[in-house]
Amino acid sequence: PGKQREWVAHITSDGTINYADSVKGRFTISRDNAKNTVYLQMRS
């Protein structure tokens, strides 16, 4: 609320993953192309 949109994480089709510093070590992104689904596991 009241803030600009912030990039969190992405994953490419060849498996390259990047995270924003604010979530690194706490969030995990993954993709399952067979299920046409991308996940964001958020901890802590």
PDB file of all heavy atoms in Angstrom:
ATOM      1  N   PRO A   1       0.820  -1.207   0.000  1.00  0.00           N
ATOM      2  CA  PRO A   1       0.000   0.000   0.000  1.00  0.00           C
ATOM      3  C   PRO A   1       0.859   1.265   0.000  1.00  0.00           C
ATOM      4  O   PRO A   1       1.785   1.393   0.805  1.00  0.00           O
ATOM      5  CB  PRO A   1      -0.794  -0.110   1.297  1.00  0.00           C
ATOM      6  CG  PRO A   1      -0.837  -1.572   1.589  1.00  0.00           C
ATOM      7  CD  PRO A   1       0.467  -2.119   1.096  1.00  0.00           C
ATOM      8  N   GLY A   2       0.560   2.154  -0.937  1.00  0.00           N
ATOM      9  CA  GLY A   2       1.267   3.420  -1.003  1.00  0.00           C
ATOM     10  C   GLY A   2       2.665   3.349  -1.571  1.00  0.00           C
ATOM     11  O   GLY A   2       3.401   4.343  -1.553  1.00  0.00           O
ATOM     12  N   LYS A   3       3.057   2.177  -2.067  1.00  0.00           N
ATOM     13  CA  LYS A   3       4.401   2.016  -2.618  1.00  0.00           C
ATOM     14  C   LYS A   3       4.353   1.587  -4.074  1.00  0.00           C
ATOM     15  O   LYS A   3       3.333   1.119  -4.568  1.00  0.00           O
ATOM     16  CB  LYS A   3       5.183   0.989  -1.783  1.00  0.00           C
ATOM     17  CG  LYS A   3       5.449   1.419  -0.364  1.00  0.00           C
ATOM     18  CD  LYS A   3       6.384   0.445   0.333  1.00  0.00           C
ATOM     19  CE  LYS A   3       6.715   0.915   1.743  1.00  0.00           C
ATOM     20  NZ  LYS A   3       7.651  -0.022   2.428  1.00  0.00           N
ATOM     21  N   GLN A   4       5.483   1.748  -4.748  1.00  0.00           N
ATOM     22  CA  GLN A   4       5.584   1.325  -6.136  1.00  0.00           C
ATOM     23  C   GLN A   4       5.697  -0.197  -6.214  1.00  0.00           C
ATOM     24  O   GLN A   4       6.122  -0.861  -5.264  1.00  0.00           O
ATOM     25  CB  GLN A   4       6.803   1.980  -6.794  1.00  0.00           C
ATOM     26  CG  GLN A   4       6.652   3.474  -7.021  1.00  0.00           C
ATOM     27  CD  GLN A   4       7.757   4.030  -7.897  1.00  0.00           C
ATOM     28  OE1 GLN A   4       8.872   3.520  -7.887  1.00  0.00           O
ATOM     29  NE2 GLN A   4       7.451   5.057  -8.661  1.00  0.00           N
ATOM     30  N   ARG A   5       5.329  -0.725  -7.368  1.00  0.00           N
ATOM     31  CA  ARG A   5       5.463  -2.158  -7.577  1.00  0.00           C
ATOM     32  C   ARG A   5       6.932  -2.537  -7.514  1.00  0.00           C
ATOM     33  O   ARG A   5       7.789  -1.875  -8.097  1.00  0.00           O
ATOM     34  CB  ARG A   5       4.846  -2.534  -8.914  1.00  0.00           C
ATOM     35  CG  ARG A   5       4.692  -4.023  -9.127  1.00  0.00           C
ATOM     36  CD  ARG A   5       3.861  -4.320 -10.355  1.00  0.00           C
ATOM     37  NE  ARG A   5       2.462  -3.958 -10.169  1.00  0.00           N
ATOM     38  CZ  ARG A   5       1.485  -4.333 -10.978  1.00  0.00           C
ATOM     39  NH1 ARG A   5       1.759  -5.068 -12.035  1.00  0.00           N
ATOM     40  NH2 ARG A   5       0.240  -3.974 -10.740  1.00  0.00           N
ATOM     41  N   GLU A   6       7.221  -3.620  -6.833  1.00  0.00           N
ATOM     42  CA  GLU A   6       8.592  -4.080  -6.606  1.00  0.00           C
ATOM     43  C   GLU A   6       8.773  -5.470  -7.194  1.00  0.00           C
ATOM     44  O   GLU A   6       7.991  -6.385  -6.905  1.00  0.00           O
ATOM     45  CB  GLU A   6       8.873  -4.114  -5.092  1.00  0.00           C
ATOM     46  CG  GLU A   6      10.214  -4.699  -4.696  1.00  0.00           C
ATOM     47  CD  GLU A   6      10.327  -4.971  -3.208  1.00  0.00           C
ATOM     48  OE1 GLU A   6       9.286  -5.078  -2.528  1.00  0.00           O
ATOM     49  OE2 GLU A   6      11.465  -5.092  -2.715  1.00  0.00           O
ATOM     50  N   TRP A   7       9.820  -5.634  -7.969  1.00  0.00           N
ATOM     51  CA  TRP A   7      10.134  -6.956  -8.505  1.00  0.00           C
ATOM     52  C   TRP A   7      10.622  -7.866  -7.365  1.00  0.00           C
ATOM     53  O   TRP A   7      11.399  -7.433  -6.507  1.00  0.00           O
ATOM     54  CB  TRP A   7      11.193  -6.829  -9.587  1.00  0.00           C
ATOM     55  CG  TRP A   7      11.726  -8.150 -10.053  1.00  0.00           C
ATOM     56  CD1 TRP A   7      11.127  -9.039 -10.885  1.00  0.00           C
ATOM     57  CD2 TRP A   7      12.969  -8.741  -9.680  1.00  0.00           C
ATOM     58  NE1 TRP A   7      11.926 -10.137 -11.063  1.00  0.00           N
ATOM     59  CE2 TRP A   7      13.069  -9.985 -10.334  1.00  0.00           C
ATOM     60  CE3 TRP A   7      14.020  -8.343  -8.857  1.00  0.00           C
ATOM     61  CZ2 TRP A   7      14.162 -10.820 -10.189  1.00  0.00           C
ATOM     62  CZ3 TRP A   7      15.120  -9.169  -8.714  1.00  0.00           C
ATOM     63  CH2 TRP A   7      15.179 -10.398  -9.373  1.00  0.00           C
ATOM     64  N   VAL A   8      10.170  -9.135  -7.356  1.00  0.00           N
ATOM     65  CA  VAL A   8      10.504 -10.072  -6.291  1.00  0.00           C
ATOM     66  C   VAL A   8      11.465 -11.164  -6.766  1.00  0.00           C
ATOM     67  O   VAL A   8      12.500 -11.411  -6.143  1.00  0.00           O
ATOM     68  CB  VAL A   8       9.229 -10.727  -5.727  1.00  0.00           C
ATOM     69  CG1 VAL A   8       9.575 -11.791  -4.696  1.00  0.00           C
ATOM     70  CG2 VAL A   8       8.304  -9.670  -5.115  1.00  0.00           C
ATOM     71  N   ALA A   9      11.093 -11.839  -7.859  1.00  0.00           N
ATOM     72  CA  ALA A   9      11.907 -12.962  -8.315  1.00  0.00           C
ATOM     73  C   ALA A   9      11.481 -13.351  -9.711  1.00  0.00           C
ATOM     74  O   ALA A   9      10.351 -13.065 -10.126  1.00  0.00           O
ATOM     75  CB  ALA A   9      11.751 -14.161  -7.382  1.00  0.00           C
ATOM     76  N   HIS A  10      12.381 -14.023 -10.436  1.00  0.00           N
ATOM     77  CA  HIS A  10      11.985 -14.609 -11.700  1.00  0.00           C
ATOM     78  C   HIS A  10      12.760 -15.886 -11.965  1.00  0.00           C
ATOM     79  O   HIS A  10      13.825 -16.145 -11.368  1.00  0.00           O
ATOM     80  CB  HIS A  10      12.091 -13.612 -12.860  1.00  0.00           C
ATOM     81  CG  HIS A  10      13.484 -13.313 -13.311  1.00  0.00           C
ATOM     82  ND1 HIS A  10      13.916 -12.032 -13.570  1.00  0.00           N
ATOM     83  CD2 HIS A  10      14.546 -14.109 -13.588  1.00  0.00           C
ATOM     84  CE1 HIS A  10      15.167 -12.061 -13.961  1.00  0.00           C
ATOM     85  NE2 HIS A  10      15.571 -13.318 -13.977  1.00  0.00           N
ATOM     86  N   ILE A  11      12.209 -16.676 -12.859  1.00  0.00           N
ATOM     87  CA  ILE A  11      12.839 -17.922 -13.295  1.00  0.00           C
ATOM     88  C   ILE A  11      12.665 -18.026 -14.796  1.00  0.00           C
ATOM     89  O   ILE A  11      11.580 -17.778 -15.330  1.00  0.00           O
ATOM     90  CB  ILE A  11      12.230 -19.145 -12.569  1.00  0.00           C
ATOM     91  CG1 ILE A  11      12.911 -20.427 -13.013  1.00  0.00           C
ATOM     92  CG2 ILE A  11      10.711 -19.222 -12.755  1.00  0.00           C
ATOM     93  CD1 ILE A  11      12.553 -21.645 -12.135  1.00  0.00           C
ATOM     94  N   THR A  12      13.736 -18.368 -15.488  1.00  0.00           N
ATOM     95  CA  THR A  12      13.660 -18.504 -16.932  1.00  0.00           C
ATOM     96  C   THR A  12      13.358 -19.947 -17.315  1.00  0.00           C
ATOM     97  O   THR A  12      13.424 -20.859 -16.490  1.00  0.00           O
ATOM     98  CB  THR A  12      14.969 -18.066 -17.595  1.00  0.00           C
ATOM     99  OG1 THR A  12      16.005 -18.974 -17.215  1.00  0.00           O
ATOM    100  CG2 THR A  12      15.348 -16.644 -17.170  1.00  0.00           C
ATOM    101  N   SER A  13      13.056 -20.148 -18.575  1.00  0.00           N
ATOM    102  CA  SER A  13      12.720 -21.495 -19.038  1.00  0.00           C
ATOM    103  C   SER A  13      13.925 -22.420 -19.005  1.00  0.00           C
ATOM    104  O   SER A  13      13.757 -23.641 -19.008  1.00  0.00           O
ATOM    105  CB  SER A  13      12.119 -21.439 -20.444  1.00  0.00           C
ATOM    106  OG  SER A  13      12.996 -20.778 -21.330  1.00  0.00           O
ATOM    107  N   ASP A  14      15.138 -21.853 -18.964  1.00  0.00           N
ATOM    108  CA  ASP A  14      16.329 -22.710 -18.846  1.00  0.00           C
ATOM    109  C   ASP A  14      16.823 -22.803 -17.409  1.00  0.00           C
ATOM    110  O   ASP A  14      17.920 -23.301 -17.163  1.00  0.00           O
ATOM    111  CB  ASP A  14      17.438 -22.233 -19.777  1.00  0.00           C
ATOM    112  CG  ASP A  14      17.853 -20.796 -19.509  1.00  0.00           C
ATOM    113  OD1 ASP A  14      17.363 -20.212 -18.531  1.00  0.00           O
ATOM    114  OD2 ASP A  14      18.668 -20.263 -20.282  1.00  0.00           O
ATOM    115  N   GLY A  15      15.985 -22.315 -16.459  1.00  0.00           N
ATOM    116  CA  GLY A  15      16.269 -22.541 -15.049  1.00  0.00           C
ATOM    117  C   GLY A  15      17.058 -21.460 -14.336  1.00  0.00           C
ATOM    118  O   GLY A  15      17.397 -21.616 -13.155  1.00  0.00           O
ATOM    119  N   THR A  16      17.355 -20.364 -14.993  1.00  0.00           N
ATOM    120  CA  THR A  16      18.064 -19.275 -14.318  1.00  0.00           C
ATOM    121  C   THR A  16      17.111 -18.567 -13.369  1.00  0.00           C
ATOM    122  O   THR A  16      15.996 -18.218 -13.747  1.00  0.00           O
ATOM    123  CB  THR A  16      18.616 -18.268 -15.336  1.00  0.00           C
ATOM    124  OG1 THR A  16      19.530 -18.944 -16.202  1.00  0.00           O
ATOM    125  CG2 THR A  16      19.352 -17.139 -14.626  1.00  0.00           C
ATOM    126  N   ILE A  17      17.568 -18.374 -12.141  1.00  0.00           N
ATOM    127  CA  ILE A  17      16.729 -17.778 -11.091  1.00  0.00           C
ATOM    128  C   ILE A  17      17.420 -16.551 -10.511  1.00  0.00           C
ATOM    129  O   ILE A  17      18.640 -16.554 -10.292  1.00  0.00           O
ATOM    130  CB  ILE A  17      16.470 -18.803  -9.967  1.00  0.00           C
ATOM    131  CG1 ILE A  17      15.578 -19.939 -10.486  1.00  0.00           C
ATOM    132  CG2 ILE A  17      15.842 -18.132  -8.761  1.00  0.00           C
ATOM    133  CD1 ILE A  17      15.402 -21.072  -9.495  1.00  0.00           C
ATOM    134  N   ASN A  18      16.637 -15.528 -10.255  1.00  0.00           N
ATOM    135  CA  ASN A  18      17.135 -14.338  -9.578  1.00  0.00           C
ATOM    136  C   ASN A  18      16.107 -13.857  -8.558  1.00  0.00           C
ATOM    137  O   ASN A  18      14.901 -14.015  -8.760  1.00  0.00           O
ATOM    138  CB  ASN A  18      17.423 -13.221 -10.571  1.00  0.00           C
ATOM    139  CG  ASN A  18      18.708 -13.447 -11.334  1.00  0.00           C
ATOM    140  OD1 ASN A  18      19.800 -13.291 -10.784  1.00  0.00           O
ATOM    141  ND2 ASN A  18      18.597 -13.822 -12.587  1.00  0.00           N
ATOM    142  N   TYR A  19      16.618 -13.287  -7.464  1.00  0.00           N
ATOM    143  CA  TYR A  19      15.772 -12.774  -6.394  1.00  0.00           C
ATOM    144  C   TYR A  19      16.149 -11.337  -6.052  1.00  0.00           C
ATOM    145  O   TYR A  19      17.319 -10.955  -6.151  1.00  0.00           O
ATOM    146  CB  TYR A  19      15.944 -13.608  -5.121  1.00  0.00           C
ATOM    147  CG  TYR A  19      15.535 -15.046  -5.240  1.00  0.00           C
ATOM    148  CD1 TYR A  19      16.487 -16.039  -5.432  1.00  0.00           C
ATOM    149  CD2 TYR A  19      14.198 -15.420  -5.149  1.00  0.00           C
ATOM    150  CE1 TYR A  19      16.118 -17.367  -5.541  1.00  0.00           C
ATOM    151  CE2 TYR A  19      13.818 -16.744  -5.247  1.00  0.00           C
ATOM    152  CZ  TYR A  19      14.791 -17.711  -5.447  1.00  0.00           C
ATOM    153  OH  TYR A  19      14.414 -19.035  -5.549  1.00  0.00           O
ATOM    154  N   ALA A  20      15.153 -10.597  -5.583  1.00  0.00           N
ATOM    155  CA  ALA A  20      15.444  -9.300  -4.994  1.00  0.00           C
ATOM    156  C   ALA A  20      16.192  -9.523  -3.680  1.00  0.00           C
ATOM    157  O   ALA A  20      15.970 -10.527  -2.995  1.00  0.00           O
ATOM    158  CB  ALA A  20      14.150  -8.537  -4.729  1.00  0.00           C
ATOM    159  N   ASP A  21      17.067  -8.605  -3.343  1.00  0.00           N
ATOM    160  CA  ASP A  21      17.848  -8.744  -2.108  1.00  0.00           C
ATOM    161  C   ASP A  21      16.937  -8.856  -0.886  1.00  0.00           C
ATOM    162  O   ASP A  21      17.278  -9.546   0.080  1.00  0.00           O
ATOM    163  CB  ASP A  21      18.783  -7.543  -1.941  1.00  0.00           C
ATOM    164  CG  ASP A  21      19.949  -7.578  -2.907  1.00  0.00           C
ATOM    165  OD1 ASP A  21      20.216  -8.646  -3.492  1.00  0.00           O
ATOM    166  OD2 ASP A  21      20.586  -6.528  -3.088  1.00  0.00           O
ATOM    167  N   SER A  22      15.790  -8.217  -0.935  1.00  0.00           N
ATOM    168  CA  SER A  22      14.888  -8.190   0.215  1.00  0.00           C
ATOM    169  C   SER A  22      14.269  -9.549   0.521  1.00  0.00           C
ATOM    170  O   SER A  22      13.778  -9.767   1.637  1.00  0.00           O
ATOM    171  CB  SER A  22      13.773  -7.163  -0.006  1.00  0.00           C
ATOM    172  OG  SER A  22      13.050  -7.464  -1.189  1.00  0.00           O
ATOM    173  N   VAL A  23      14.311 -10.471  -0.434  1.00  0.00           N
ATOM    174  CA  VAL A  23      13.688 -11.785  -0.216  1.00  0.00           C
ATOM    175  C   VAL A  23      14.684 -12.925  -0.345  1.00  0.00           C
ATOM    176  O   VAL A  23      14.336 -14.088  -0.074  1.00  0.00           O
ATOM    177  CB  VAL A  23      12.507 -12.021  -1.185  1.00  0.00           C
ATOM    178  CG1 VAL A  23      11.516 -10.870  -1.102  1.00  0.00           C
ATOM    179  CG2 VAL A  23      12.987 -12.235  -2.606  1.00  0.00           C
ATOM    180  N   LYS A  24      15.904 -12.626  -0.726  1.00  0.00           N
ATOM    181  CA  LYS A  24      16.901 -13.670  -0.949  1.00  0.00           C
ATOM    182  C   LYS A  24      17.123 -14.464   0.328  1.00  0.00           C
ATOM    183  O   LYS A  24      17.258 -13.893   1.416  1.00  0.00           O
ATOM    184  CB  LYS A  24      18.210 -13.022  -1.424  1.00  0.00           C
ATOM    185  CG  LYS A  24      19.152 -13.946  -2.130  1.00  0.00           C
ATOM    186  CD  LYS A  24      20.326 -13.159  -2.722  1.00  0.00           C
ATOM    187  CE  LYS A  24      19.889 -12.242  -3.847  1.00  0.00           C
ATOM    188  NZ  LYS A  24      21.030 -11.530  -4.472  1.00  0.00           N
ATOM    189  N   GLY A  25      17.125 -15.787   0.207  1.00  0.00           N
ATOM    190  CA  GLY A  25      17.310 -16.657   1.360  1.00  0.00           C
ATOM    191  C   GLY A  25      16.020 -17.013   2.070  1.00  0.00           C
ATOM    192  O   GLY A  25      16.002 -17.902   2.927  1.00  0.00           O
ATOM    193  N   ARG A  26      14.929 -16.313   1.740  1.00  0.00           N
ATOM    194  CA  ARG A  26      13.634 -16.598   2.387  1.00  0.00           C
ATOM    195  C   ARG A  26      12.588 -17.103   1.390  1.00  0.00           C
ATOM    196  O   ARG A  26      11.708 -17.888   1.758  1.00  0.00           O
ATOM    197  CB  ARG A  26      13.097 -15.332   3.058  1.00  0.00           C
ATOM    198  CG  ARG A  26      14.001 -14.761   4.143  1.00  0.00           C
ATOM    199  CD  ARG A  26      13.331 -13.618   4.891  1.00  0.00           C
ATOM    200  NE  ARG A  26      13.020 -12.494   4.021  1.00  0.00           N
ATOM    201  CZ  ARG A  26      11.783 -12.018   3.835  1.00  0.00           C
ATOM    202  NH1 ARG A  26      10.749 -12.583   4.444  1.00  0.00           N
ATOM    203  NH2 ARG A  26      11.597 -10.985   3.024  1.00  0.00           N
ATOM    204  N   PHE A  27      12.676 -16.637   0.143  1.00  0.00           N
ATOM    205  CA  PHE A  27      11.705 -17.024  -0.885  1.00  0.00           C
ATOM    206  C   PHE A  27      12.362 -17.954  -1.889  1.00  0.00           C
ATOM    207  O   PHE A  27      13.559 -17.822  -2.188  1.00  0.00           O
ATOM    208  CB  PHE A  27      11.196 -15.797  -1.628  1.00  0.00           C
ATOM    209  CG  PHE A  27      10.297 -14.875  -0.831  1.00  0.00           C
ATOM    210  CD1 PHE A  27      10.152 -15.002   0.545  1.00  0.00           C
ATOM    211  CD2 PHE A  27       9.597 -13.862  -1.480  1.00  0.00           C
ATOM    212  CE1 PHE A  27       9.335 -14.152   1.262  1.00  0.00           C
ATOM    213  CE2 PHE A  27       8.765 -13.006  -0.772  1.00  0.00           C
ATOM    214  CZ  PHE A  27       8.641 -13.149   0.596  1.00  0.00           C
ATOM    215  N   THR A  28      11.565 -18.866  -2.433  1.00  0.00           N
ATOM    216  CA  THR A  28      12.040 -19.784  -3.458  1.00  0.00           C
ATOM    217  C   THR A  28      11.037 -19.821  -4.598  1.00  0.00           C
ATOM    218  O   THR A  28       9.851 -20.099  -4.363  1.00  0.00           O
ATOM    219  CB  THR A  28      12.227 -21.198  -2.903  1.00  0.00           C
ATOM    220  OG1 THR A  28      13.145 -21.168  -1.797  1.00  0.00           O
ATOM    221  CG2 THR A  28      12.775 -22.130  -3.974  1.00  0.00           C
ATOM    222  N   ILE A  29      11.501 -19.544  -5.796  1.00  0.00           N
ATOM    223  CA  ILE A  29      10.646 -19.601  -6.968  1.00  0.00           C
ATOM    224  C   ILE A  29      10.919 -20.893  -7.728  1.00  0.00           C
ATOM    225  O   ILE A  29      12.060 -21.368  -7.783  1.00  0.00           O
ATOM    226  CB  ILE A  29      10.863 -18.363  -7.883  1.00  0.00           C
ATOM    227  CG1 ILE A  29       9.808 -18.308  -8.980  1.00  0.00           C
ATOM    228  CG2 ILE A  29      12.283 -18.345  -8.472  1.00  0.00           C
ATOM    229  CD1 ILE A  29       9.827 -17.006  -9.781  1.00  0.00           C
ATOM    230  N   SER A  30       9.871 -21.448  -8.303  1.00  0.00           N
ATOM    231  CA  SER A  30      10.029 -22.654  -9.128  1.00  0.00           C
ATOM    232  C   SER A  30       8.931 -22.648 -10.183  1.00  0.00           C
ATOM    233  O   SER A  30       7.947 -21.912 -10.076  1.00  0.00           O
ATOM    234  CB  SER A  30       9.955 -23.914  -8.265  1.00  0.00           C
ATOM    235  OG  SER A  30       8.706 -24.007  -7.605  1.00  0.00           O
ATOM    236  N   ARG A  31       9.144 -23.450 -11.201  1.00  0.00           N
ATOM    237  CA  ARG A  31       8.126 -23.568 -12.246  1.00  0.00           C
ATOM    238  C   ARG A  31       7.974 -25.022 -12.634  1.00  0.00           C
ATOM    239  O   ARG A  31       8.969 -25.773 -12.683  1.00  0.00           O
ATOM    240  CB  ARG A  31       8.430 -22.693 -13.463  1.00  0.00           C
ATOM    241  CG  ARG A  31       9.645 -23.050 -14.255  1.00  0.00           C
ATOM    242  CD  ARG A  31      10.013 -21.952 -15.269  1.00  0.00           C
ATOM    243  NE  ARG A  31       9.110 -21.917 -16.409  1.00  0.00           N
ATOM    244  CZ  ARG A  31       9.139 -20.962 -17.350  1.00  0.00           C
ATOM    245  NH1 ARG A  31      10.012 -19.978 -17.263  1.00  0.00           N
ATOM    246  NH2 ARG A  31       8.283 -20.987 -18.375  1.00  0.00           N
ATOM    247  N   ASP A  32       6.748 -25.406 -12.922  1.00  0.00           N
ATOM    248  CA  ASP A  32       6.431 -26.753 -13.379  1.00  0.00           C
ATOM    249  C   ASP A  32       5.718 -26.586 -14.711  1.00  0.00           C
ATOM    250  O   ASP A  32       4.504 -26.352 -14.756  1.00  0.00           O
ATOM    251  CB  ASP A  32       5.562 -27.468 -12.350  1.00  0.00           C
ATOM    252  CG  ASP A  32       5.305 -28.911 -12.695  1.00  0.00           C
ATOM    253  OD1 ASP A  32       5.430 -29.268 -13.891  1.00  0.00           O
ATOM    254  OD2 ASP A  32       4.971 -29.687 -11.793  1.00  0.00           O
ATOM    255  N   ASN A  33       6.471 -26.699 -15.779  1.00  0.00           N
ATOM    256  CA  ASN A  33       5.872 -26.476 -17.104  1.00  0.00           C
ATOM    257  C   ASN A  33       4.808 -27.521 -17.421  1.00  0.00           C
ATOM    258  O   ASN A  33       3.858 -27.238 -18.151  1.00  0.00           O
ATOM    259  CB  ASN A  33       6.950 -26.463 -18.177  1.00  0.00           C
ATOM    260  CG  ASN A  33       7.824 -25.216 -18.111  1.00  0.00           C
ATOM    261  OD1 ASN A  33       7.421 -24.189 -17.575  1.00  0.00           O
ATOM    262  ND2 ASN A  33       9.034 -25.320 -18.641  1.00  0.00           N
ATOM    263  N   ALA A  34       4.952 -28.716 -16.902  1.00  0.00           N
ATOM    264  CA  ALA A  34       3.963 -29.768 -17.163  1.00  0.00           C
ATOM    265  C   ALA A  34       2.606 -29.395 -16.559  1.00  0.00           C
ATOM    266  O   ALA A  34       1.557 -29.780 -17.088  1.00  0.00           O
ATOM    267  CB  ALA A  34       4.438 -31.093 -16.599  1.00  0.00           C
ATOM    268  N   LYS A  35       2.645 -28.648 -15.446  1.00  0.00           N
ATOM    269  CA  LYS A  35       1.412 -28.209 -14.801  1.00  0.00           C
ATOM    270  C   LYS A  35       1.070 -26.765 -15.145  1.00  0.00           C
ATOM    271  O   LYS A  35       0.098 -26.220 -14.622  1.00  0.00           O
ATOM    272  CB  LYS A  35       1.531 -28.360 -13.287  1.00  0.00           C
ATOM    273  CG  LYS A  35       1.657 -29.794 -12.826  1.00  0.00           C
ATOM    274  CD  LYS A  35       1.695 -29.889 -11.308  1.00  0.00           C
ATOM    275  CE  LYS A  35       1.773 -31.334 -10.852  1.00  0.00           C
ATOM    276  NZ  LYS A  35       1.805 -31.457  -9.374  1.00  0.00           N
ATOM    277  N   ASN A  36       1.884 -26.158 -15.987  1.00  0.00           N
ATOM    278  CA  ASN A  36       1.666 -24.753 -16.377  1.00  0.00           C
ATOM    279  C   ASN A  36       1.548 -23.843 -15.164  1.00  0.00           C
ATOM    280  O   ASN A  36       0.709 -22.928 -15.109  1.00  0.00           O
ATOM    281  CB  ASN A  36       0.403 -24.620 -17.242  1.00  0.00           C
ATOM    282  CG  ASN A  36       0.525 -25.370 -18.547  1.00  0.00           C
ATOM    283  OD1 ASN A  36       1.567 -25.345 -19.184  1.00  0.00           O
ATOM    284  ND2 ASN A  36      -0.526 -26.062 -18.922  1.00  0.00           N
ATOM    285  N   THR A  37       2.420 -24.070 -14.188  1.00  0.00           N
ATOM    286  CA  THR A  37       2.313 -23.361 -12.914  1.00  0.00           C
ATOM    287  C   THR A  37       3.685 -22.900 -12.430  1.00  0.00           C
ATOM    288  O   THR A  37       4.676 -23.620 -12.573  1.00  0.00           O
ATOM    289  CB  THR A  37       1.667 -24.254 -11.841  1.00  0.00           C
ATOM    290  OG1 THR A  37       0.370 -24.658 -12.287  1.00  0.00           O
ATOM    291  CG2 THR A  37       1.499 -23.498 -10.526  1.00  0.00           C
ATOM    292  N   VAL A  38       3.688 -21.705 -11.865  1.00  0.00           N
ATOM    293  CA  VAL A  38       4.867 -21.149 -11.215  1.00  0.00           C
ATOM    294  C   VAL A  38       4.528 -20.971  -9.735  1.00  0.00           C
ATOM    295  O   VAL A  38       3.402 -20.587  -9.392  1.00  0.00           O
ATOM    296  CB  VAL A  38       5.244 -19.784 -11.828  1.00  0.00           C
ATOM    297  CG1 VAL A  38       6.433 -19.165 -11.096  1.00  0.00           C
ATOM    298  CG2 VAL A  38       5.567 -19.951 -13.303  1.00  0.00           C
ATOM    299  N   TYR A  39       5.506 -21.263  -8.881  1.00  0.00           N
ATOM    300  CA  TYR A  39       5.287 -21.189  -7.442  1.00  0.00           C
ATOM    301  C   TYR A  39       6.238 -20.177  -6.810  1.00  0.00           C
ATOM    302  O   TYR A  39       7.345 -19.946  -7.294  1.00  0.00           O
ATOM    303  CB  TYR A  39       5.534 -22.554  -6.800  1.00  0.00           C
ATOM    304  CG  TYR A  39       4.686 -23.660  -7.361  1.00  0.00           C
ATOM    305  CD1 TYR A  39       5.209 -24.513  -8.335  1.00  0.00           C
ATOM    306  CD2 TYR A  39       3.384 -23.862  -6.931  1.00  0.00           C
ATOM    307  CE1 TYR A  39       4.436 -25.537  -8.860  1.00  0.00           C
ATOM    308  CE2 TYR A  39       2.606 -24.888  -7.444  1.00  0.00           C
ATOM    309  CZ  TYR A  39       3.136 -25.716  -8.411  1.00  0.00           C
ATOM    310  OH  TYR A  39       2.368 -26.729  -8.931  1.00  0.00           O
ATOM    311  N   LEU A  40       5.779 -19.620  -5.709  1.00  0.00           N
ATOM    312  CA  LEU A  40       6.650 -18.789  -4.881  1.00  0.00           C
ATOM    313  C   LEU A  40       6.479 -19.260  -3.442  1.00  0.00           C
ATOM    314  O   LEU A  40       5.452 -18.989  -2.819  1.00  0.00           O
ATOM    315  CB  LEU A  40       6.311 -17.308  -5.008  1.00  0.00           C
ATOM    316  CG  LEU A  40       7.276 -16.364  -4.287  1.00  0.00           C
ATOM    317  CD1 LEU A  40       8.650 -16.373  -4.970  1.00  0.00           C
ATOM    318  CD2 LEU A  40       6.731 -14.930  -4.234  1.00  0.00           C
ATOM    319  N   GLN A  41       7.472 -19.999  -2.948  1.00  0.00           N
ATOM    320  CA  GLN A  41       7.467 -20.453  -1.564  1.00  0.00           C
ATOM    321  C   GLN A  41       8.069 -19.343  -0.713  1.00  0.00           C
ATOM    322  O   GLN A  41       9.206 -18.937  -0.938  1.00  0.00           O
ATOM    323  CB  GLN A  41       8.275 -21.732  -1.410  1.00  0.00           C
ATOM    324  CG  GLN A  41       8.371 -22.238   0.013  1.00  0.00           C
ATOM    325  CD  GLN A  41       7.044 -22.722   0.556  1.00  0.00           C
ATOM    326  OE1 GLN A  41       6.387 -23.563  -0.042  1.00  0.00           O
ATOM    327  NE2 GLN A  41       6.640 -22.204   1.707  1.00  0.00           N
ATOM    328  N   MET A  42       7.312 -18.870   0.259  1.00  0.00           N
ATOM    329  CA  MET A  42       7.755 -17.753   1.099  1.00  0.00           C
ATOM    330  C   MET A  42       7.881 -18.233   2.541  1.00  0.00           C
ATOM    331  O   MET A  42       6.919 -18.776   3.101  1.00  0.00           O
ATOM    332  CB  MET A  42       6.758 -16.598   1.010  1.00  0.00           C
ATOM    333  CG  MET A  42       6.481 -16.142  -0.421  1.00  0.00           C
ATOM    334  SD  MET A  42       5.422 -14.682  -0.518  1.00  0.00           S
ATOM    335  CE  MET A  42       3.893 -15.365   0.139  1.00  0.00           C
ATOM    336  N   ARG A  43       9.049 -18.049   3.125  1.00  0.00           N
ATOM    337  CA  ARG A  43       9.312 -18.461   4.506  1.00  0.00           C
ATOM    338  C   ARG A  43       9.806 -17.272   5.306  1.00  0.00           C
ATOM    339  O   ARG A  43      10.210 -16.258   4.747  1.00  0.00           O
ATOM    340  CB  ARG A  43      10.344 -19.584   4.528  1.00  0.00           C
ATOM    341  CG  ARG A  43       9.917 -20.864   3.825  1.00  0.00           C
ATOM    342  CD  ARG A  43      11.005 -21.935   3.928  1.00  0.00           C
ATOM    343  NE  ARG A  43      10.583 -23.205   3.337  1.00  0.00           N
ATOM    344  CZ  ARG A  43      10.739 -23.538   2.063  1.00  0.00           C
ATOM    345  NH1 ARG A  43      11.324 -22.686   1.244  1.00  0.00           N
ATOM    346  NH2 ARG A  43      10.314 -24.698   1.621  1.00  0.00           N
ATOM    347  N   SER A  44       9.784 -17.431   6.616  1.00  0.00           N
ATOM    348  CA  SER A  44      10.257 -16.371   7.526  1.00  0.00           C
ATOM    349  C   SER A  44       9.648 -15.025   7.141  1.00  0.00           C
ATOM    350  O   SER A  44      10.346 -14.016   7.024  1.00  0.00           O
ATOM    351  CB  SER A  44      11.790 -16.290   7.475  1.00  0.00           C
ATOM    352  OG  SER A  44      12.356 -17.521   7.847  1.00  0.00           O
TER     353      SER A  44
END
